[in-house]
């Protein structure tokens, strides 16, 4: 997509920003709603559109709450629904949700950010920072290339024509799409230092592919585990990172002068 392309009724300032794609399912909805509340505290993302990709079997009340939370933060929100496979272990349902969303964005024609519920923004204007880097990087995909594994983590920015670029990702079933797509797209991917990927914590240290998801019980863990240049952190599943960031933003804790992690939020 070029900067000169226009979409009906969408101003250029909105049109050139990647659409944020949010998956809705009962399993992750509580964390996603908490994250949307945090995004609202960071002044929202009114220069961006969102796509809410909903599991059709999702509880309607929860789906409505999620939709309202997302709508408060974005310029516009589109809704699509899909019917996932009834049975099968991870990552079958996750692959299916991603693939259905990718085809939707293929028809939409814009770049898009697959933002999973455990990807937490760290600072105001986080999405503008990612968008600026994406358009300057010169590659169609942008995210975190997993150290020691060499694949692009799936929480990334994708071009509209991704289904054409990676047929393997679009047919992945029992193996995660981000692993399956490696040979087809890794040369097309920009490794962003702003998109921090920490799969888990091993012996008190971040690991790119092992360990339980990070849980932030103290501010010093934010300083040790979150890089200073990061705009987002993936994975945080229990809301503790948001709690620690909120403490900092409200001035409830002292932040080390000139040091610490990527969550120094004074603006």
Protein backbone atom coordinates (compact mmCIF):
# COMPACT_ATOMS: atom_id res chain seq x y z
CA UNK A 1 0.00 0.00 0.00
CA UNK A 2 1.24 3.48 -0.82
CA UNK A 3 0.66 6.65 1.13
CA UNK A 4 -1.36 8.05 -1.75
CA UNK A 5 -4.05 5.38 -1.59
CA UNK A 6 -7.39 6.48 -0.17
CA UNK A 7 -10.29 4.56 1.29
CA UNK A 8 -13.79 5.97 1.03
CA UNK A 9 -14.55 8.40 3.86
CA UNK A 10 -11.28 7.77 5.71
CA UNK A 11 -8.93 10.75 6.17
CA UNK A 12 -5.29 10.21 5.22
CA UNK A 13 -4.20 10.54 8.86
CA UNK A 14 -6.34 7.48 9.65
CA UNK A 15 -5.92 5.66 6.35
CA UNK A 16 -2.15 5.27 6.60
CA UNK A 17 -2.21 3.74 10.10
CA UNK A 18 -2.31 -0.04 10.51
CA UNK A 19 -5.69 -1.32 11.62
CA UNK A 20 -5.54 -2.88 15.09
CA UNK A 21 -7.05 -6.36 14.96
CA UNK A 22 -8.34 -7.65 18.29
CA UNK A 23 -9.54 -11.21 18.71
CA UNK A 24 -12.53 -11.77 20.97
CA UNK A 25 -13.17 -15.07 22.72
CA UNK A 26 -14.44 -16.00 26.17
CA UNK A 27 -11.03 -17.25 27.30
CA UNK A 28 -9.20 -13.92 26.78
CA UNK A 29 -12.00 -11.37 27.05
CA UNK A 30 -11.42 -10.38 30.67
CA UNK A 31 -7.76 -9.55 30.04
CA UNK A 32 -8.60 -7.74 26.81
CA UNK A 33 -11.18 -5.54 28.52
CA UNK A 34 -8.67 -4.67 31.28
CA UNK A 35 -6.15 -3.78 28.60
CA UNK A 36 -8.63 -1.57 26.75
CA UNK A 37 -9.28 0.30 30.00
CA UNK A 38 -5.52 0.85 30.29
CA UNK A 39 -5.32 2.03 26.67
CA UNK A 40 -8.04 4.56 27.48
CA UNK A 41 -5.88 5.86 30.33
CA UNK A 42 -3.09 6.32 27.77
CA UNK A 43 -5.47 8.60 25.80
CA UNK A 44 -6.72 5.96 23.39
CA UNK A 45 -5.88 5.46 19.71
CA UNK A 46 -8.17 7.87 17.88
CA UNK A 47 -5.86 8.04 14.85
CA UNK A 48 -6.40 4.33 14.26
CA UNK A 49 -9.23 2.04 13.26
CA UNK A 50 -9.89 -1.34 14.89
CA UNK A 51 -11.26 -4.65 13.74
CA UNK A 52 -12.86 -6.81 16.43
CA UNK A 53 -12.70 -10.41 15.28
CA UNK A 54 -15.21 -12.36 17.39
CA UNK A 55 -15.68 -16.04 18.03
CA UNK A 56 -19.36 -16.53 17.10
CA UNK A 57 -19.84 -18.80 20.11
CA UNK A 58 -18.73 -16.06 22.50
CA UNK A 59 -21.02 -15.06 25.35
CA UNK A 60 -23.08 -12.17 23.97
CA UNK A 61 -22.93 -10.10 27.15
CA UNK A 62 -19.14 -10.38 27.32
CA UNK A 63 -18.87 -9.65 23.60
CA UNK A 64 -20.91 -6.49 24.09
CA UNK A 65 -18.68 -5.35 26.94
CA UNK A 66 -15.60 -5.96 24.83
CA UNK A 67 -17.04 -4.11 21.86
CA UNK A 68 -17.87 -1.08 24.02
CA UNK A 69 -14.37 -1.06 25.54
CA UNK A 70 -12.71 -1.17 22.11
CA UNK A 71 -15.05 1.42 20.58
CA UNK A 72 -14.05 3.99 23.21
CA UNK A 73 -10.42 3.88 22.12
CA UNK A 74 -10.44 3.90 18.32
CA UNK A 75 -11.53 6.11 15.43
CA UNK A 76 -13.85 3.42 14.10
CA UNK A 77 -14.50 -0.22 14.90
CA UNK A 78 -15.48 -2.94 12.47
CA UNK A 79 -16.92 -6.25 13.65
CA UNK A 80 -16.46 -9.63 12.02
CA UNK A 81 -17.51 -13.02 13.37
CA UNK A 82 -16.17 -16.48 12.64
CA UNK A 83 -17.04 -20.00 13.69
CA UNK A 84 -13.93 -21.80 14.97
CA UNK A 85 -13.35 -25.55 14.85
CA UNK A 86 -15.32 -27.33 17.56
CA UNK A 87 -12.50 -29.54 18.75
CA UNK A 88 -8.74 -29.66 18.84
CA UNK A 89 -5.85 -28.56 21.05
CA UNK A 90 -3.93 -25.31 20.82
CA UNK A 91 -3.07 -23.84 18.36
CA UNK A 92 -5.92 -24.93 16.09
CA UNK A 93 -8.44 -22.29 17.25
CA UNK A 94 -5.78 -19.57 17.43
CA UNK A 95 -4.64 -20.34 13.87
CA UNK A 96 -8.22 -20.25 12.62
CA UNK A 97 -8.94 -16.87 14.24
CA UNK A 98 -5.79 -15.38 12.75
CA UNK A 99 -6.51 -16.80 9.28
CA UNK A 100 -10.08 -15.51 9.18
CA UNK A 101 -8.88 -12.07 10.26
CA UNK A 102 -6.10 -12.10 7.65
CA UNK A 103 -8.58 -12.79 4.85
CA UNK A 104 -10.82 -9.99 6.11
CA UNK A 105 -7.91 -7.56 6.02
CA UNK A 106 -6.91 -8.83 2.58
CA UNK A 107 -10.27 -7.54 1.34
CA UNK A 108 -9.96 -4.34 3.39
CA UNK A 109 -6.63 -3.48 1.76
CA UNK A 110 -4.81 -1.96 4.72
CA UNK A 111 -1.90 -3.06 6.88
CA UNK A 112 -2.91 -4.45 10.25
CA UNK A 113 -1.55 -5.15 13.72
CA UNK A 114 -2.52 -8.54 15.19
CA UNK A 115 -2.60 -7.45 18.83
CA UNK A 116 -3.17 -10.33 21.18
CA UNK A 117 -4.71 -9.80 24.61
CA UNK A 118 -1.36 -10.41 26.34
CA UNK A 119 0.40 -7.65 24.38
CA UNK A 120 0.42 -4.63 26.70
CA UNK A 121 1.11 -1.01 25.64
CA UNK A 122 3.67 0.72 27.84
CA UNK A 123 3.36 4.45 27.21
CA UNK A 124 1.24 7.17 25.56
CA UNK A 125 1.45 7.35 21.74
CA UNK A 126 2.70 3.77 21.66
CA UNK A 127 0.72 2.98 18.54
CA UNK A 128 1.86 6.07 16.68
CA UNK A 129 5.45 5.08 17.48
CA UNK A 130 4.94 1.60 16.04
CA UNK A 131 3.18 2.98 12.97
CA UNK A 132 5.97 5.45 12.26
CA UNK A 133 8.59 2.71 12.51
CA UNK A 134 6.54 0.40 10.29
CA UNK A 135 6.24 2.87 7.45
CA UNK A 136 9.91 3.75 7.66
CA UNK A 137 11.35 0.23 7.97
CA UNK A 138 10.94 -0.68 4.30
CA UNK A 139 9.59 -4.19 4.92
CA UNK A 140 6.01 -5.48 4.80
CA UNK A 141 6.08 -7.21 8.20
CA UNK A 142 7.26 -5.86 11.53
CA UNK A 143 7.51 -7.47 14.93
CA UNK A 144 9.91 -9.27 17.21
CA UNK A 145 12.15 -11.96 15.70
CA UNK A 146 12.47 -14.53 18.46
CA UNK A 147 16.05 -14.88 19.65
CA UNK A 148 17.31 -18.45 19.46
CA UNK A 149 14.42 -19.56 17.26
CA UNK A 150 14.63 -17.18 14.29
CA UNK A 151 10.91 -16.77 13.60
CA UNK A 152 8.75 -13.66 13.76
CA UNK A 153 6.46 -13.74 16.77
CA UNK A 154 2.85 -13.67 15.65
CA UNK A 155 1.99 -10.47 17.54
CA UNK A 156 3.14 -8.31 14.65
CA UNK A 157 2.15 -5.87 11.89
CA UNK A 158 1.18 -7.50 8.60
CA UNK A 159 0.52 -6.17 5.09
CA UNK A 160 -2.90 -6.56 3.48
CA UNK A 161 -1.56 -9.16 1.04
CA UNK A 162 -0.18 -11.42 3.78
CA UNK A 163 -2.34 -14.41 2.68
CA UNK A 164 -0.53 -14.32 -0.66
CA UNK A 165 2.89 -13.98 0.94
CA UNK A 166 2.46 -16.96 3.27
CA UNK A 167 0.19 -19.79 2.15
CA UNK A 168 1.70 -21.95 4.91
CA UNK A 169 0.47 -19.60 7.61
CA UNK A 170 -2.97 -19.55 6.03
CA UNK A 171 -3.24 -23.34 6.13
CA UNK A 172 -1.55 -23.93 9.50
CA UNK A 173 -3.49 -26.21 11.82
CA UNK A 174 -1.62 -28.16 14.50
CA UNK A 175 1.50 -25.96 14.32
CA UNK A 176 1.35 -22.24 15.13
CA UNK A 177 1.09 -20.00 12.07
CA UNK A 178 4.03 -17.81 13.11
CA UNK A 179 6.33 -20.83 13.06
CA UNK A 180 4.91 -22.15 9.79
CA UNK A 181 5.37 -18.84 7.96
CA UNK A 182 9.07 -18.49 8.77
CA UNK A 183 10.62 -19.71 5.52
CA UNK A 184 8.20 -17.65 3.42
CA UNK A 185 8.39 -14.29 5.19
CA UNK A 186 11.42 -13.96 7.47
CA UNK A 187 13.36 -12.08 4.79
CA UNK A 188 10.40 -9.68 4.59
CA UNK A 189 10.26 -8.98 8.34
CA UNK A 190 11.70 -6.03 10.24
CA UNK A 191 12.84 -6.79 13.80
CA UNK A 192 11.46 -3.99 15.97
CA UNK A 193 13.08 -3.17 19.30
CA UNK A 194 9.91 -1.30 20.22
CA UNK A 195 7.92 -4.56 20.24
CA UNK A 196 9.31 -6.45 23.21
CA UNK A 197 8.71 -10.20 23.15
CA UNK A 198 9.28 -12.11 26.39
CA UNK A 199 7.69 -15.55 26.26
CA UNK A 200 8.37 -16.21 29.91
CA UNK A 201 10.58 -15.88 32.94
CA UNK A 202 13.28 -18.47 33.71
CA UNK A 203 15.38 -18.16 36.87
CA UNK A 204 14.25 -14.58 37.26
CA UNK A 205 15.29 -13.55 33.74
CA UNK A 206 13.28 -12.96 30.55
CA UNK A 207 13.31 -15.81 28.05
CA UNK A 208 12.23 -15.48 24.40
CA UNK A 209 10.76 -18.99 24.20
CA UNK A 210 10.56 -20.70 27.62
CA UNK A 211 8.95 -20.32 31.02
CA UNK A 212 5.64 -19.04 32.42
CA UNK A 213 4.42 -15.63 31.31
CA UNK A 214 5.87 -12.72 33.25
CA UNK A 215 4.05 -11.71 36.41
CA UNK A 216 5.04 -8.32 37.83
CA UNK A 217 4.74 -8.32 41.61
CA UNK A 218 7.19 -5.44 42.11
CA UNK A 219 8.40 -2.34 40.28
CA UNK A 220 11.96 -3.63 40.10
CA UNK A 221 10.72 -6.38 37.77
CA UNK A 222 9.47 -3.73 35.36
CA UNK A 223 12.93 -2.16 35.45
CA UNK A 224 14.67 -5.50 34.83
CA UNK A 225 12.35 -7.13 32.30
CA UNK A 226 11.03 -4.26 30.15
CA UNK A 227 13.59 -2.67 27.78
CA UNK A 228 13.72 1.14 27.86
CA UNK A 229 13.01 1.44 24.13
CA UNK A 230 9.90 -0.77 24.20
CA UNK A 231 6.41 0.53 23.31
CA UNK A 232 4.66 -2.82 23.88
CA UNK A 233 5.38 -5.92 25.97
CA UNK A 234 4.35 -9.46 25.07
CA UNK A 235 3.48 -11.70 27.09
CA UNK A 236 1.70 -10.43 30.21
CA UNK A 237 -1.42 -12.43 30.98
CA UNK A 238 -2.44 -11.61 34.55
CA UNK A 239 -2.85 -7.83 34.58
CA UNK A 240 0.11 -7.23 36.89
CA UNK A 241 2.14 -5.28 34.34
CA UNK A 242 -0.78 -2.92 33.83
CA UNK A 243 -1.08 -2.54 37.61
CA UNK A 244 2.60 -1.60 37.94
CA UNK A 245 2.42 0.81 35.00
CA UNK A 246 -0.69 2.41 36.44
CA UNK A 247 1.14 2.96 39.74
CA UNK A 248 3.91 4.75 37.89
CA UNK A 249 1.54 6.84 35.84
CA UNK A 250 -0.32 7.96 38.95
CA UNK A 251 2.94 8.84 40.67
CA UNK A 252 2.59 6.24 43.39
CA UNK A 253 6.16 5.02 43.04
CA UNK A 254 9.54 6.63 42.57
CA UNK A 255 11.16 5.96 39.20
CA UNK A 256 14.97 5.72 39.15
CA UNK A 257 16.49 8.78 37.48
CA UNK A 258 17.97 7.96 34.09
CA UNK A 259 17.53 4.20 34.44
CA UNK A 260 15.05 1.41 34.65
CA UNK A 261 12.91 -0.24 32.07
CA UNK A 262 10.72 0.89 29.22
CA UNK A 263 7.86 1.98 31.43
CA UNK A 264 9.11 5.45 32.38
CA UNK A 265 5.82 7.13 31.63
CA UNK A 266 6.23 10.80 32.59
CA UNK A 267 4.95 12.85 29.61
